[in-house]
Amino acid sequence: SAVDIQPACLGLYCGRTVLSVNGSVETYGDCGVCPRGQRTDDNKICRECMGSPDRYDWLYLGFMAMLPLVLHWFFIEWYSGKKSSSALLQHVTALFECSVAAVVTLLVSDPVGSLHIRSCKVKKLSDWYTMLYNPSPDYITTVHCTHEAVYPLYTIVFIYYAFCLVLMMLLRPLLVKKIACGLGKSDRFKSIYAALYFFPVLTVLQAVGGGLLYYAFPYIILVLSLVTLAVYMSASEVESFKDLLVRKKRLVVLFSHWLLHAYGIISISKLDKLEQDLPLLALVPAPALFYLLTAKYTEPSRILSEGGNGH
């Protein structure tokens, strides 16, 4: 056939586009980059992505969607001050912004108007970095075959961040100006200024490390949830269950970390075998319980006093 006598299509991600289909006979174009929404099959033919994200893909997208929300909440709490009553309303507004941005992102993704998205299956780490695999047949000319082989897991995150930023700029300044009466004029907008810094950082993080995050995010969640919970309890001087019950805010922080910890465990196990994976969720409270049970033995003042008595 005509296809057999064509030169080989070099490169890991170069393919031939289907120009026309006549019955069972397909006509192919030259070897090159696949159009958006397509990736090469085993025969180096560009095929449209008709699959849907699996559970792990959705968990990854959920993690990327949570990053700006958690950072919003952190900086709102950091800059709100103890006397300000506006923090809670700002937290709710940030949740509303990110939720609306997520829904709108799904609606504008293909198929447009639906909360479902079509995607290509992620096969290996190199699928995220097709720009590194452009072939040079004669070692002089480079054939550019860079395309989104993991469509749309790479670009959909950028679209989501853009909507988050737009909604924040539309809603938050007006809200803060009206309700943040407990803060000085210079402090009112600091949480918004912080977002203007961390959104570019998140964008670069996705652009450079998207593939690495895809495989590592469950372990990142577990480590960060453990470290931040220990730091928070230490900074808040929580040493017993009674200290937790004194302020409702501490319980909210504790349950939030438990949710993150559960999310990490679910992401690692993927809940493929429910009878084996669901019992793992019983480990969620274990780090906090271990901290509370051992905090009194590791209190610096007690260690120093016992060391002094020993001498």
Foldseek 3Di string as FASTA:
>chain_A
DVVVPDDDQDWPWWAWEFPDDDPPDTDTDDTAAADAQWTQDPRRYTDGQAAFDDLLLVLLVVLLLCVLLVLLLVLLVVLLDPPAPCSVVSNVLLVVQSVVLLQCLCCCEPVHRDNTHGWADDDDLCLLVRQVTFDDPVVPDTGGHDYNNGPPSQCSSVSSLVSSLVSCVVPVVVSLVPRSPVDDPVRSCVSVVVSVPVSVVSNVCSSPPVSVCSVCVLVVLQVVLLVVLVVVCVVQVPQAVVSCVVDVVSVVSLVVSLVSNLSSLCSVVVCPPVVPRVVVSVCSCVSVVVCNVCVVVPPVVVVVVVVVVVD
